[in-house]
Protein backbone atom coordinates (compact mmCIF):
# COMPACT_ATOMS: atom_id res chain seq x y z
CA MET A 1 -0.08 -0.07 0.22
CA ARG A 2 2.78 2.37 0.61
CA ASP A 3 4.18 2.06 -2.78
CA HIS A 4 0.70 2.52 -4.15
CA ARG A 5 0.11 5.74 -2.06
CA GLU A 6 3.46 7.06 -3.26
CA HIS A 7 2.92 6.34 -6.90
CA ARG A 8 -1.04 6.83 -6.96
CA ASP A 9 -0.77 9.72 -9.17
CA GLU A 10 1.66 7.71 -11.89
CA VAL A 11 0.01 4.14 -11.75
CA ARG A 12 -3.81 3.25 -11.83
CA GLY A 13 -3.04 -0.26 -10.60
CA SER A 14 -3.46 -3.84 -11.68
CA PRO A 15 -4.74 -5.22 -13.67
CA HIS A 16 -4.90 -2.67 -16.58
CA PHE A 17 -6.03 -4.14 -19.82
CA PHE A 18 -5.26 -2.04 -23.22
CA LEU A 19 -7.54 -3.24 -25.92
CA PRO A 20 -6.93 -3.25 -29.48
CA ASP A 21 -9.48 -0.58 -30.29
CA GLY A 22 -7.23 1.63 -27.98
CA SER A 23 -9.58 1.74 -25.12
CA ASP A 24 -8.46 0.59 -21.49
CA VAL A 25 -9.94 -1.04 -18.72
CA HIS A 26 -8.61 -0.74 -15.10
CA ASN A 27 -9.56 -3.49 -12.71
CA PRO A 28 -12.66 -4.95 -15.03
CA GLY A 29 -15.33 -6.44 -13.11
CA ILE A 30 -14.14 -4.96 -9.55
CA GLY A 31 -15.85 -1.89 -7.87
CA LEU A 32 -13.81 -0.36 -5.12
CA ARG A 33 -14.28 2.03 -2.64
CA TRP A 34 -11.61 3.55 0.26
CA GLU A 35 -12.22 3.55 3.99
CA GLY A 36 -10.39 5.56 6.25
CA ASP A 37 -8.24 8.65 5.95
CA PRO A 38 -7.02 9.45 2.22
CA GLY A 39 -3.72 8.89 2.85
CA ALA A 40 -3.88 5.94 5.32
CA GLY A 41 -7.17 4.09 4.17
CA HIS A 42 -7.43 0.74 2.50
CA PRO A 43 -9.71 -0.47 -0.46
CA VAL A 44 -12.78 -2.46 -0.28
CA VAL A 45 -14.13 -4.61 -3.01
CA GLY A 46 -17.97 -3.48 -3.22
CA ASP A 47 -18.74 -4.91 -6.47
CA ASP A 48 -17.50 -8.36 -8.19
CA ASP A 49 -18.35 -9.00 -11.84
CA PRO A 50 -17.08 -12.39 -12.90
CA GLY A 51 -18.54 -11.92 -16.28
CA ALA A 52 -16.37 -9.10 -17.11
CA TYR A 53 -13.51 -10.91 -18.40
CA ASP A 54 -15.68 -12.64 -20.97
CA ALA A 55 -17.08 -9.17 -21.76
CA LEU A 56 -13.58 -8.09 -22.48
CA VAL A 57 -12.43 -11.07 -24.51
CA ARG A 58 -15.85 -10.71 -26.89
CA ARG A 59 -15.02 -6.82 -27.04
CA ALA A 60 -11.23 -7.45 -28.40
CA LEU A 61 -12.53 -10.11 -30.90
CA ALA A 62 -15.14 -7.76 -32.16
């Protein structure tokens, strides 16, 4: 988390996918929220869509 906080303006996170159509998707299927102080909090998964990766593959093949 310390590395993330130090570089949060530079890095969106992992996974980060770049598609052939020029678009990109960060953390597909996962919705996050932060709890605690902005500089010392932690992420909490609020949404999880396991079909997001299938949708990305279909989109990349289109």
